[in-house]
């Protein structure tokens, strides 16, 4: 698959996952998952899905990850229905995107220095 096709597929999967993940989420603590990036391997075996939530408490982040792991199969099934032009549906690997939390931490430090 060409790199342009992979980029388009990453974008399509990211859009669809943003809808599916939040629809399937039944957790009271995590109101919303923001899918920040999707990276699919060239052979379509794996899709690493980066996400953030509106809470930076480590305990809540762990619960969010556990929730995604629990509903992973259902999410993958829904995604296969939405993106039906793939010959094989990649395994989904959810990872918390720490870039936003890191940016907020740096921002707070800069404000405290001023």
PDB file of N, CA and C in Angstrom:
ATOM      1  N   UNK A   1       0.840  -1.175   0.000  1.00  0.00           N
ATOM      2  CA  UNK A   1       0.000   0.000   0.000  1.00  0.00           C
ATOM      3  C   UNK A   1       0.889   1.243   0.000  1.00  0.00           C
ATOM      4  N   UNK A   2       0.571   2.231  -0.803  1.00  0.00           N
ATOM      5  CA  UNK A   2       1.395   3.432  -0.865  1.00  0.00           C
ATOM      6  C   UNK A   2       1.238   4.253   0.406  1.00  0.00           C
ATOM      7  N   UNK A   3       2.225   5.120   0.657  1.00  0.00           N
ATOM      8  CA  UNK A   3       2.191   5.923   1.881  1.00  0.00           C
ATOM      9  C   UNK A   3       1.006   6.878   1.881  1.00  0.00           C
ATOM     10  N   UNK A   4       0.610   7.369   0.706  1.00  0.00           N
ATOM     11  CA  UNK A   4      -0.547   8.253   0.630  1.00  0.00           C
ATOM     12  C   UNK A   4      -1.817   7.497   1.018  1.00  0.00           C
ATOM     13  N   UNK A   5      -1.936   6.274   0.548  1.00  0.00           N
ATOM     14  CA  UNK A   5      -3.100   5.459   0.893  1.00  0.00           C
ATOM     15  C   UNK A   5      -3.139   5.169   2.393  1.00  0.00           C
ATOM     16  N   UNK A   6      -1.993   4.890   2.973  1.00  0.00           N
ATOM     17  CA  UNK A   6      -1.913   4.638   4.419  1.00  0.00           C
ATOM     18  C   UNK A   6      -2.323   5.905   5.174  1.00  0.00           C
ATOM     19  N   UNK A   7      -1.859   7.063   4.711  1.00  0.00           N
ATOM     20  CA  UNK A   7      -2.221   8.326   5.374  1.00  0.00           C
ATOM     21  C   UNK A   7      -3.726   8.560   5.298  1.00  0.00           C
ATOM     22  N   UNK A   8      -4.312   8.312   4.146  1.00  0.00           N
ATOM     23  CA  UNK A   8      -5.770   8.463   3.997  1.00  0.00           C
ATOM     24  C   UNK A   8      -6.508   7.480   4.896  1.00  0.00           C
ATOM     25  N   UNK A   9      -6.010   6.255   4.947  1.00  0.00           N
ATOM     26  CA  UNK A   9      -6.624   5.233   5.787  1.00  0.00           C
ATOM     27  C   UNK A   9      -6.517   5.610   7.264  1.00  0.00           C
ATOM     28  N   UNK A  10      -5.343   6.114   7.671  1.00  0.00           N
ATOM     29  CA  UNK A  10      -5.170   6.583   9.050  1.00  0.00           C
ATOM     30  C   UNK A  10      -6.219   7.636   9.388  1.00  0.00           C
ATOM     31  N   UNK A  11      -6.404   8.576   8.482  1.00  0.00           N
ATOM     32  CA  UNK A  11      -7.351   9.666   8.694  1.00  0.00           C
ATOM     33  C   UNK A  11      -8.794   9.150   8.772  1.00  0.00           C
ATOM     34  N   UNK A  12      -9.146   8.256   7.862  1.00  0.00           N
ATOM     35  CA  UNK A  12     -10.491   7.678   7.847  1.00  0.00           C
ATOM     36  C   UNK A  12     -10.762   6.904   9.137  1.00  0.00           C
ATOM     37  N   UNK A  13      -9.826   6.068   9.525  1.00  0.00           N
ATOM     38  CA  UNK A  13      -9.981   5.262  10.736  1.00  0.00           C
ATOM     39  C   UNK A  13     -10.064   6.171  11.968  1.00  0.00           C
ATOM     40  N   UNK A  14      -9.277   7.233  12.002  1.00  0.00           N
ATOM     41  CA  UNK A  14      -9.321   8.169  13.129  1.00  0.00           C
ATOM     42  C   UNK A  14     -10.703   8.798  13.251  1.00  0.00           C
ATOM     43  N   UNK A  15     -11.269   9.248  12.129  1.00  0.00           N
ATOM     44  CA  UNK A  15     -12.610   9.859  12.149  1.00  0.00           C
ATOM     45  C   UNK A  15     -13.661   8.874  12.634  1.00  0.00           C
ATOM     46  N   UNK A  16     -13.628   7.671  12.094  1.00  0.00           N
ATOM     47  CA  UNK A  16     -14.621   6.656  12.457  1.00  0.00           C
ATOM     48  C   UNK A  16     -14.471   6.221  13.912  1.00  0.00           C
ATOM     49  N   UNK A  17     -13.224   6.053  14.361  1.00  0.00           N
ATOM     50  CA  UNK A  17     -12.999   5.632  15.746  1.00  0.00           C
ATOM     51  C   UNK A  17     -13.475   6.672  16.743  1.00  0.00           C
ATOM     52  N   UNK A  18     -13.320   7.944  16.408  1.00  0.00           N
ATOM     53  CA  UNK A  18     -13.784   9.007  17.312  1.00  0.00           C
ATOM     54  C   UNK A  18     -15.275   8.850  17.590  1.00  0.00           C
ATOM     55  N   UNK A  19     -16.024   8.485  16.578  1.00  0.00           N
ATOM     56  CA  UNK A  19     -17.471   8.287  16.738  1.00  0.00           C
ATOM     57  C   UNK A  19     -17.753   6.983  17.484  1.00  0.00           C
ATOM     58  N   UNK A  20     -17.139   5.899  17.028  1.00  0.00           N
ATOM     59  CA  UNK A  20     -17.411   4.564  17.580  1.00  0.00           C
ATOM     60  C   UNK A  20     -17.015   4.463  19.053  1.00  0.00           C
ATOM     61  N   UNK A  21     -15.809   4.921  19.384  1.00  0.00           N
ATOM     62  CA  UNK A  21     -15.303   4.799  20.757  1.00  0.00           C
ATOM     63  C   UNK A  21     -16.233   5.519  21.732  1.00  0.00           C
ATOM     64  N   UNK A  22     -16.654   6.717  21.372  1.00  0.00           N
ATOM     65  CA  UNK A  22     -17.516   7.480  22.276  1.00  0.00           C
ATOM     66  C   UNK A  22     -18.926   6.923  22.340  1.00  0.00           C
ATOM     67  N   UNK A  23     -19.369   6.276  21.267  1.00  0.00           N
ATOM     68  CA  UNK A  23     -20.689   5.630  21.283  1.00  0.00           C
ATOM     69  C   UNK A  23     -20.664   4.380  22.164  1.00  0.00           C
ATOM     70  N   UNK A  24     -19.585   3.623  22.093  1.00  0.00           N
ATOM     71  CA  UNK A  24     -19.465   2.371  22.855  1.00  0.00           C
ATOM     72  C   UNK A  24     -19.083   2.601  24.316  1.00  0.00           C
ATOM     73  N   UNK A  25     -18.570   3.778  24.633  1.00  0.00           N
ATOM     74  CA  UNK A  25     -18.124   4.082  25.998  1.00  0.00           C
ATOM     75  C   UNK A  25     -19.323   4.141  26.947  1.00  0.00           C
ATOM     76  N   UNK A  26     -19.310   3.292  27.961  1.00  0.00           N
ATOM     77  CA  UNK A  26     -20.388   3.268  28.957  1.00  0.00           C
ATOM     78  C   UNK A  26     -19.887   3.744  30.321  1.00  0.00           C
ATOM     79  N   UNK A  27     -18.635   4.184  30.379  1.00  0.00           N
ATOM     80  CA  UNK A  27     -18.032   4.613  31.640  1.00  0.00           C
ATOM     81  C   UNK A  27     -18.606   5.950  32.088  1.00  0.00           C
ATOM     82  N   UNK A  28     -18.925   6.045  33.370  1.00  0.00           N
ATOM     83  CA  UNK A  28     -19.444   7.290  33.936  1.00  0.00           C
ATOM     84  C   UNK A  28     -18.311   8.302  34.173  1.00  0.00           C
ATOM     85  N   UNK A  29     -17.115   7.797  34.461  1.00  0.00           N
ATOM     86  CA  UNK A  29     -15.985   8.682  34.777  1.00  0.00           C
ATOM     87  C   UNK A  29     -15.376   9.346  33.548  1.00  0.00           C
ATOM     88  N   UNK A  30     -15.364   8.622  32.438  1.00  0.00           N
ATOM     89  CA  UNK A  30     -14.757   9.155  31.226  1.00  0.00           C
ATOM     90  C   UNK A  30     -15.871   9.600  30.292  1.00  0.00           C
ATOM     91  N   UNK A  31     -16.046  10.907  30.201  1.00  0.00           N
ATOM     92  CA  UNK A  31     -17.127  11.438  29.375  1.00  0.00           C
ATOM     93  C   UNK A  31     -16.822  11.366  27.886  1.00  0.00           C
ATOM     94  N   UNK A  32     -15.563  11.604  27.543  1.00  0.00           N
ATOM     95  CA  UNK A  32     -15.234  11.733  26.127  1.00  0.00           C
ATOM     96  C   UNK A  32     -13.790  11.314  25.870  1.00  0.00           C
ATOM     97  N   UNK A  33     -13.606  10.529  24.829  1.00  0.00           N
ATOM     98  CA  UNK A  33     -12.273  10.182  24.347  1.00  0.00           C
ATOM     99  C   UNK A  33     -12.005  11.021  23.106  1.00  0.00           C
ATOM    100  N   UNK A  34     -10.841  11.647  23.073  1.00  0.00           N
ATOM    101  CA  UNK A  34     -10.425  12.372  21.877  1.00  0.00           C
ATOM    102  C   UNK A  34      -9.353  11.525  21.191  1.00  0.00           C
ATOM    103  N   UNK A  35      -9.650  11.056  19.984  1.00  0.00           N
ATOM    104  CA  UNK A  35      -8.682  10.267  19.226  1.00  0.00           C
ATOM    105  C   UNK A  35      -7.753  11.249  18.529  1.00  0.00           C
ATOM    106  N   UNK A  36      -6.490  11.290  18.957  1.00  0.00           N
ATOM    107  CA  UNK A  36      -5.571  12.301  18.440  1.00  0.00           C
ATOM    108  C   UNK A  36      -4.798  11.851  17.205  1.00  0.00           C
ATOM    109  N   UNK A  37      -4.562  10.539  17.085  1.00  0.00           N
ATOM    110  CA  UNK A  37      -3.794  10.046  15.945  1.00  0.00           C
ATOM    111  C   UNK A  37      -3.986   8.544  15.800  1.00  0.00           C
ATOM    112  N   UNK A  38      -3.890   8.077  14.560  1.00  0.00           N
ATOM    113  CA  UNK A  38      -3.930   6.644  14.276  1.00  0.00           C
ATOM    114  C   UNK A  38      -2.755   6.337  13.358  1.00  0.00           C
ATOM    115  N   UNK A  39      -1.999   5.301  13.695  1.00  0.00           N
ATOM    116  CA  UNK A  39      -0.873   4.864  12.861  1.00  0.00           C
ATOM    117  C   UNK A  39      -1.077   3.393  12.521  1.00  0.00           C
ATOM    118  N   UNK A  40      -1.349   3.130  11.263  1.00  0.00           N
ATOM    119  CA  UNK A  40      -1.568   1.753  10.801  1.00  0.00           C
ATOM    120  C   UNK A  40      -0.294   1.259  10.131  1.00  0.00           C
ATOM    121  N   UNK A  41       0.079   0.026  10.455  1.00  0.00           N
ATOM    122  CA  UNK A  41       1.280  -0.545   9.834  1.00  0.00           C
ATOM    123  C   UNK A  41       1.018  -0.802   8.358  1.00  0.00           C
ATOM    124  N   UNK A  42       2.095  -0.850   7.571  1.00  0.00           N
ATOM    125  CA  UNK A  42       1.974  -1.034   6.115  1.00  0.00           C
ATOM    126  C   UNK A  42       1.232  -2.317   5.728  1.00  0.00           C
ATOM    127  N   UNK A  43       1.417  -3.368   6.523  1.00  0.00           N
ATOM    128  CA  UNK A  43       0.763  -4.644   6.207  1.00  0.00           C
ATOM    129  C   UNK A  43      -0.647  -4.746   6.798  1.00  0.00           C
ATOM    130  N   UNK A  44      -1.127  -3.655   7.381  1.00  0.00           N
ATOM    131  CA  UNK A  44      -2.477  -3.568   7.958  1.00  0.00           C
ATOM    132  C   UNK A  44      -2.702  -4.514   9.136  1.00  0.00           C
ATOM    133  N   UNK A  45      -1.618  -4.948   9.792  1.00  0.00           N
ATOM    134  CA  UNK A  45      -1.763  -5.871  10.923  1.00  0.00           C
ATOM    135  C   UNK A  45      -2.188  -5.155  12.194  1.00  0.00           C
ATOM    136  N   UNK A  46      -1.626  -3.971  12.415  1.00  0.00           N
ATOM    137  CA  UNK A  46      -1.873  -3.245  13.663  1.00  0.00           C
ATOM    138  C   UNK A  46      -2.193  -1.786  13.399  1.00  0.00           C
ATOM    139  N   UNK A  47      -3.048  -1.248  14.247  1.00  0.00           N
ATOM    140  CA  UNK A  47      -3.343   0.184  14.237  1.00  0.00           C
ATOM    141  C   UNK A  47      -3.130   0.689  15.656  1.00  0.00           C
ATOM    142  N   UNK A  48      -2.150   1.559  15.834  1.00  0.00           N
ATOM    143  CA  UNK A  48      -1.932   2.172  17.129  1.00  0.00           C
ATOM    144  C   UNK A  48      -2.804   3.421  17.183  1.00  0.00           C
ATOM    145  N   UNK A  49      -3.676   3.465  18.181  1.00  0.00           N
ATOM    146  CA  UNK A  49      -4.652   4.543  18.313  1.00  0.00           C
ATOM    147  C   UNK A  49      -4.285   5.366  19.539  1.00  0.00           C
ATOM    148  N   UNK A  50      -3.922   6.628  19.308  1.00  0.00           N
ATOM    149  CA  UNK A  50      -3.569   7.529  20.400  1.00  0.00           C
ATOM    150  C   UNK A  50      -4.795   8.333  20.799  1.00  0.00           C
ATOM    151  N   UNK A  51      -5.001   8.453  22.107  1.00  0.00           N
ATOM    152  CA  UNK A  51      -6.184   9.154  22.603  1.00  0.00           C
ATOM    153  C   UNK A  51      -5.836  10.005  23.817  1.00  0.00           C
ATOM    154  N   UNK A  52      -6.699  10.977  24.101  1.00  0.00           N
ATOM    155  CA  UNK A  52      -6.619  11.750  25.335  1.00  0.00           C
ATOM    156  C   UNK A  52      -8.008  11.770  25.955  1.00  0.00           C
ATOM    157  N   UNK A  53      -8.046  12.108  27.233  1.00  0.00           N
ATOM    158  CA  UNK A  53      -9.322  12.301  27.919  1.00  0.00           C
ATOM    159  C   UNK A  53      -9.245  13.645  28.642  1.00  0.00           C
ATOM    160  N   UNK A  54     -10.363  14.111  29.148  1.00  0.00           N
ATOM    161  CA  UNK A  54     -10.413  15.430  29.756  1.00  0.00           C
ATOM    162  C   UNK A  54      -9.974  15.453  31.222  1.00  0.00           C
ATOM    163  N   UNK A  55      -9.293  14.411  31.654  1.00  0.00           N
ATOM    164  CA  UNK A  55      -8.861  14.300  33.040  1.00  0.00           C
ATOM    165  C   UNK A  55      -7.423  13.793  33.043  1.00  0.00           C
ATOM    166  N   UNK A  56      -6.523  14.446  33.754  1.00  0.00           N
ATOM    167  CA  UNK A  56      -5.139  13.984  33.758  1.00  0.00           C
ATOM    168  C   UNK A  56      -4.735  13.252  35.041  1.00  0.00           C
ATOM    169  N   UNK A  57      -5.724  12.803  35.806  1.00  0.00           N
ATOM    170  CA  UNK A  57      -5.480  11.998  36.997  1.00  0.00           C
ATOM    171  C   UNK A  57      -5.025  10.601  36.539  1.00  0.00           C
ATOM    172  N   UNK A  58      -3.853  10.146  36.981  1.00  0.00           N
ATOM    173  CA  UNK A  58      -3.337   8.837  36.535  1.00  0.00           C
ATOM    174  C   UNK A  58      -4.312   7.679  36.762  1.00  0.00           C
ATOM    175  N   UNK A  59      -5.063   7.732  37.864  1.00  0.00           N
ATOM    176  CA  UNK A  59      -6.025   6.661  38.156  1.00  0.00           C
ATOM    177  C   UNK A  59      -7.137   6.628  37.094  1.00  0.00           C
ATOM    178  N   UNK A  60      -7.618   7.790  36.709  1.00  0.00           N
ATOM    179  CA  UNK A  60      -8.673   7.879  35.693  1.00  0.00           C
ATOM    180  C   UNK A  60      -8.122   7.462  34.323  1.00  0.00           C
ATOM    181  N   UNK A  61      -6.875   7.831  34.036  1.00  0.00           N
ATOM    182  CA  UNK A  61      -6.241   7.429  32.775  1.00  0.00           C
ATOM    183  C   UNK A  61      -6.136   5.904  32.713  1.00  0.00           C
ATOM    184  N   UNK A  62      -5.766   5.267  33.826  1.00  0.00           N
ATOM    185  CA  UNK A  62      -5.691   3.801  33.866  1.00  0.00           C
ATOM    186  C   UNK A  62      -7.062   3.174  33.648  1.00  0.00           C
ATOM    187  N   UNK A  63      -8.101   3.775  34.239  1.00  0.00           N
ATOM    188  CA  UNK A  63      -9.463   3.265  34.041  1.00  0.00           C
ATOM    189  C   UNK A  63      -9.901   3.439  32.587  1.00  0.00           C
ATOM    190  N   UNK A  64      -9.509   4.552  31.986  1.00  0.00           N
ATOM    191  CA  UNK A  64      -9.836   4.796  30.577  1.00  0.00           C
ATOM    192  C   UNK A  64      -9.198   3.731  29.692  1.00  0.00           C
ATOM    193  N   UNK A  65      -7.929   3.412  29.975  1.00  0.00           N
ATOM    194  CA  UNK A  65      -7.231   2.383  29.200  1.00  0.00           C
ATOM    195  C   UNK A  65      -7.903   1.021  29.389  1.00  0.00           C
ATOM    196  N   UNK A  66      -8.250   0.701  30.631  1.00  0.00           N
ATOM    197  CA  UNK A  66      -8.913  -0.580  30.914  1.00  0.00           C
ATOM    198  C   UNK A  66     -10.258  -0.656  30.194  1.00  0.00           C
ATOM    199  N   UNK A  67     -10.976   0.452  30.172  1.00  0.00           N
ATOM    200  CA  UNK A  67     -12.267   0.505  29.482  1.00  0.00           C
ATOM    201  C   UNK A  67     -12.093   0.250  27.980  1.00  0.00           C
ATOM    202  N   UNK A  68     -11.101   0.883  27.379  1.00  0.00           N
ATOM    203  CA  UNK A  68     -10.847   0.690  25.944  1.00  0.00           C
ATOM    204  C   UNK A  68     -10.433  -0.754  25.655  1.00  0.00           C
ATOM    205  N   UNK A  69      -9.603  -1.310  26.523  1.00  0.00           N
ATOM    206  CA  UNK A  69      -9.186  -2.702  26.338  1.00  0.00           C
ATOM    207  C   UNK A  69     -10.388  -3.640  26.428  1.00  0.00           C
ATOM    208  N   UNK A  70     -11.309  -3.318  27.324  1.00  0.00           N
ATOM    209  CA  UNK A  70     -12.504  -4.144  27.525  1.00  0.00           C
ATOM    210  C   UNK A  70     -13.431  -4.121  26.298  1.00  0.00           C
ATOM    211  N   UNK A  71     -13.577  -2.951  25.683  1.00  0.00           N
ATOM    212  CA  UNK A  71     -14.507  -2.836  24.543  1.00  0.00           C
ATOM    213  C   UNK A  71     -13.794  -2.882  23.190  1.00  0.00           C
ATOM    214  N   UNK A  72     -12.528  -3.266  23.198  1.00  0.00           N
ATOM    215  CA  UNK A  72     -11.713  -3.291  21.983  1.00  0.00           C
ATOM    216  C   UNK A  72     -12.347  -4.131  20.867  1.00  0.00           C
ATOM    217  N   UNK A  73     -12.792  -5.333  21.202  1.00  0.00           N
ATOM    218  CA  UNK A  73     -13.361  -6.222  20.173  1.00  0.00           C
ATOM    219  C   UNK A  73     -14.616  -5.619  19.542  1.00  0.00           C
ATOM    220  N   UNK A  74     -15.458  -5.020  20.369  1.00  0.00           N
ATOM    221  CA  UNK A  74     -16.680  -4.395  19.866  1.00  0.00           C
ATOM    222  C   UNK A  74     -16.345  -3.206  18.960  1.00  0.00           C
ATOM    223  N   UNK A  75     -15.363  -2.416  19.374  1.00  0.00           N
ATOM    224  CA  UNK A  75     -14.935  -1.265  18.569  1.00  0.00           C
ATOM    225  C   UNK A  75     -14.409  -1.744  17.214  1.00  0.00           C
ATOM    226  N   UNK A  76     -13.598  -2.774  17.248  1.00  0.00           N
ATOM    227  CA  UNK A  76     -13.003  -3.318  16.016  1.00  0.00           C
ATOM    228  C   UNK A  76     -14.087  -3.851  15.076  1.00  0.00           C
ATOM    229  N   UNK A  77     -15.076  -4.506  15.656  1.00  0.00           N
ATOM    230  CA  UNK A  77     -16.196  -5.037  14.870  1.00  0.00           C
ATOM    231  C   UNK A  77     -16.972  -3.905  14.186  1.00  0.00           C
ATOM    232  N   UNK A  78     -17.277  -2.851  14.948  1.00  0.00           N
ATOM    233  CA  UNK A  78     -17.992  -1.689  14.394  1.00  0.00           C
ATOM    234  C   UNK A  78     -17.163  -1.013  13.309  1.00  0.00           C
ATOM    235  N   UNK A  79     -15.862  -0.910  13.554  1.00  0.00           N
ATOM    236  CA  UNK A  79     -14.969  -0.284  12.580  1.00  0.00           C
ATOM    237  C   UNK A  79     -14.942  -1.078  11.277  1.00  0.00           C
ATOM    238  N   UNK A  80     -14.951  -2.397  11.381  1.00  0.00           N
ATOM    239  CA  UNK A  80     -14.951  -3.253  10.187  1.00  0.00           C
ATOM    240  C   UNK A  80     -16.204  -3.006   9.340  1.00  0.00           C
ATOM    241  N   UNK A  81     -17.322  -2.731   9.989  1.00  0.00           N
ATOM    242  CA  UNK A  81     -18.564  -2.443   9.272  1.00  0.00           C
ATOM    243  C   UNK A  81     -18.465  -1.083   8.567  1.00  0.00           C
ATOM    244  N   UNK A  82     -17.920  -0.081   9.268  1.00  0.00           N
ATOM    245  CA  UNK A  82     -17.814   1.278   8.720  1.00  0.00           C
ATOM    246  C   UNK A  82     -16.785   1.379   7.598  1.00  0.00           C
ATOM    247  N   UNK A  83     -15.643   0.718   7.785  1.00  0.00           N
ATOM    248  CA  UNK A  83     -14.555   0.770   6.804  1.00  0.00           C
ATOM    249  C   UNK A  83     -14.497  -0.595   6.127  1.00  0.00           C
ATOM    250  N   UNK A  84     -15.431  -0.847   5.254  1.00  0.00           N
ATOM    251  CA  UNK A  84     -15.569  -2.200   4.697  1.00  0.00           C
ATOM    252  C   UNK A  84     -14.711  -2.459   3.465  1.00  0.00           C
ATOM    253  N   UNK A  85     -13.874  -1.509   3.062  1.00  0.00           N
ATOM    254  CA  UNK A  85     -13.044  -1.733   1.885  1.00  0.00           C
ATOM    255  C   UNK A  85     -11.642  -2.244   2.223  1.00  0.00           C
ATOM    256  N   UNK A  86     -11.429  -2.671   3.462  1.00  0.00           N
ATOM    257  CA  UNK A  86     -10.146  -3.241   3.851  1.00  0.00           C
ATOM    258  C   UNK A  86     -10.178  -4.753   3.701  1.00  0.00           C
ATOM    259  N   UNK A  87      -9.080  -5.299   3.209  1.00  0.00           N
ATOM    260  CA  UNK A  87      -9.034  -6.756   3.088  1.00  0.00           C
ATOM    261  C   UNK A  87      -8.837  -7.416   4.443  1.00  0.00           C
ATOM    262  N   UNK A  88      -8.295  -6.656   5.388  1.00  0.00           N
ATOM    263  CA  UNK A  88      -8.081  -7.201   6.737  1.00  0.00           C
ATOM    264  C   UNK A  88      -8.172  -6.057   7.736  1.00  0.00           C
ATOM    265  N   UNK A  89      -8.881  -6.282   8.813  1.00  0.00           N
ATOM    266  CA  UNK A  89      -9.051  -5.260   9.846  1.00  0.00           C
ATOM    267  C   UNK A  89      -7.886  -5.362  10.829  1.00  0.00           C
ATOM    268  N   UNK A  90      -7.134  -4.277  11.013  1.00  0.00           N
ATOM    269  CA  UNK A  90      -5.980  -4.338  11.922  1.00  0.00           C
ATOM    270  C   UNK A  90      -6.386  -4.494  13.382  1.00  0.00           C
ATOM    271  N   UNK A  91      -5.490  -5.108  14.148  1.00  0.00           N
ATOM    272  CA  UNK A  91      -5.649  -5.177  15.600  1.00  0.00           C
ATOM    273  C   UNK A  91      -5.507  -3.755  16.131  1.00  0.00           C
ATOM    274  N   UNK A  92      -6.349  -3.376  17.070  1.00  0.00           N
ATOM    275  CA  UNK A  92      -6.303  -2.027  17.628  1.00  0.00           C
ATOM    276  C   UNK A  92      -5.494  -2.016  18.921  1.00  0.00           C
ATOM    277  N   UNK A  93      -4.526  -1.118  18.987  1.00  0.00           N
ATOM    278  CA  UNK A  93      -3.711  -0.946  20.185  1.00  0.00           C
ATOM    279  C   UNK A  93      -3.935   0.483  20.664  1.00  0.00           C
ATOM    280  N   UNK A  94      -4.589   0.630  21.799  1.00  0.00           N
ATOM    281  CA  UNK A  94      -4.888   1.956  22.335  1.00  0.00           C
ATOM    282  C   UNK A  94      -3.766   2.415  23.255  1.00  0.00           C
ATOM    283  N   UNK A  95      -3.299   3.659  23.035  1.00  0.00           N
ATOM    284  CA  UNK A  95      -2.241   4.238  23.868  1.00  0.00           C
ATOM    285  C   UNK A  95      -2.634   5.659  24.241  1.00  0.00           C
ATOM    286  N   UNK A  96      -2.458   5.972  25.514  1.00  0.00           N
ATOM    287  CA  UNK A  96      -2.736   7.330  25.984  1.00  0.00           C
ATOM    288  C   UNK A  96      -1.705   8.278  25.381  1.00  0.00           C
ATOM    289  N   UNK A  97      -2.166   9.363  24.779  1.00  0.00           N
ATOM    290  CA  UNK A  97      -1.295  10.363  24.162  1.00  0.00           C
ATOM    291  C   UNK A  97      -0.851  11.347  25.234  1.00  0.00           C
ATOM    292  N   UNK A  98       0.390  11.239  25.649  1.00  0.00           N
ATOM    293  CA  UNK A  98       0.898  12.060  26.747  1.00  0.00           C
ATOM    294  C   UNK A  98       1.349  13.441  26.293  1.00  0.00           C
ATOM    295  N   UNK A  99       1.335  13.709  25.012  1.00  0.00           N
ATOM    296  CA  UNK A  99       1.820  14.991  24.496  1.00  0.00           C
ATOM    297  C   UNK A  99       1.014  16.166  25.057  1.00  0.00           C
ATOM    298  N   UNK A 100      -0.299  16.026  25.126  1.00  0.00           N
ATOM    299  CA  UNK A 100      -1.142  17.111  25.634  1.00  0.00           C
ATOM    300  C   UNK A 100      -0.870  17.374  27.117  1.00  0.00           C
ATOM    301  N   UNK A 101      -0.791  16.317  27.906  1.00  0.00           N
ATOM    302  CA  UNK A 101      -0.506  16.462  29.335  1.00  0.00           C
ATOM    303  C   UNK A 101       0.867  17.085  29.542  1.00  0.00           C
ATOM    304  N   UNK A 102       1.838  16.675  28.731  1.00  0.00           N
ATOM    305  CA  UNK A 102       3.188  17.227  28.820  1.00  0.00           C
ATOM    306  C   UNK A 102       3.175  18.711  28.467  1.00  0.00           C
ATOM    307  N   UNK A 103       2.442  19.069  27.424  1.00  0.00           N
ATOM    308  CA  UNK A 103       2.312  20.471  27.012  1.00  0.00           C
ATOM    309  C   UNK A 103       1.673  21.319  28.105  1.00  0.00           C
ATOM    310  N   UNK A 104       0.639  20.785  28.751  1.00  0.00           N
ATOM    311  CA  UNK A 104      -0.021  21.511  29.850  1.00  0.00           C
ATOM    312  C   UNK A 104       0.933  21.713  31.028  1.00  0.00           C
ATOM    313  N   UNK A 105       1.747  20.685  31.300  1.00  0.00           N
ATOM    314  CA  UNK A 105       2.710  20.770  32.398  1.00  0.00           C
ATOM    315  C   UNK A 105       3.738  21.867  32.111  1.00  0.00           C
ATOM    316  N   UNK A 106       4.242  21.902  30.897  1.00  0.00           N
ATOM    317  CA  UNK A 106       5.213  22.924  30.488  1.00  0.00           C
ATOM    318  C   UNK A 106       4.579  24.312  30.572  1.00  0.00           C
ATOM    319  N   UNK A 107       3.329  24.410  30.122  1.00  0.00           N
ATOM    320  CA  UNK A 107       2.599  25.677  30.161  1.00  0.00           C
ATOM    321  C   UNK A 107       2.471  26.189  31.603  1.00  0.00           C
ATOM    322  N   UNK A 108       2.122  25.299  32.521  1.00  0.00           N
ATOM    323  CA  UNK A 108       2.010  25.683  33.940  1.00  0.00           C
ATOM    324  C   UNK A 108       3.347  26.149  34.494  1.00  0.00           C
ATOM    325  N   UNK A 109       4.412  25.429  34.122  1.00  0.00           N
ATOM    326  CA  UNK A 109       5.747  25.805  34.596  1.00  0.00           C
ATOM    327  C   UNK A 109       6.138  27.180  34.070  1.00  0.00           C
ATOM    328  N   UNK A 110       5.857  27.444  32.807  1.00  0.00           N
ATOM    329  CA  UNK A 110       6.179  28.749  32.224  1.00  0.00           C
ATOM    330  C   UNK A 110       5.401  29.860  32.898  1.00  0.00           C
ATOM    331  N   UNK A 111       4.130  29.607  33.186  1.00  0.00           N
ATOM    332  CA  UNK A 111       3.302  30.626  33.854  1.00  0.00           C
ATOM    333  C   UNK A 111       3.774  30.880  35.281  1.00  0.00           C
ATOM    334  N   UNK A 112       4.258  29.843  35.956  1.00  0.00           N
ATOM    335  CA  UNK A 112       4.723  30.016  37.334  1.00  0.00           C
ATOM    336  C   UNK A 112       6.038  30.800  37.380  1.00  0.00           C
ATOM    337  N   UNK A 113       6.821  30.740  36.312  1.00  0.00           N
ATOM    338  CA  UNK A 113       8.094  31.466  36.239  1.00  0.00           C
ATOM    339  C   UNK A 113       7.837  32.965  36.019  1.00  0.00           C
ATOM    340  N   UNK A 114       6.807  33.299  35.281  1.00  0.00           N
ATOM    341  CA  UNK A 114       6.540  34.711  34.934  1.00  0.00           C
ATOM    342  C   UNK A 114       6.091  35.520  36.103  1.00  0.00           C
TER     343      UNK A 114
END
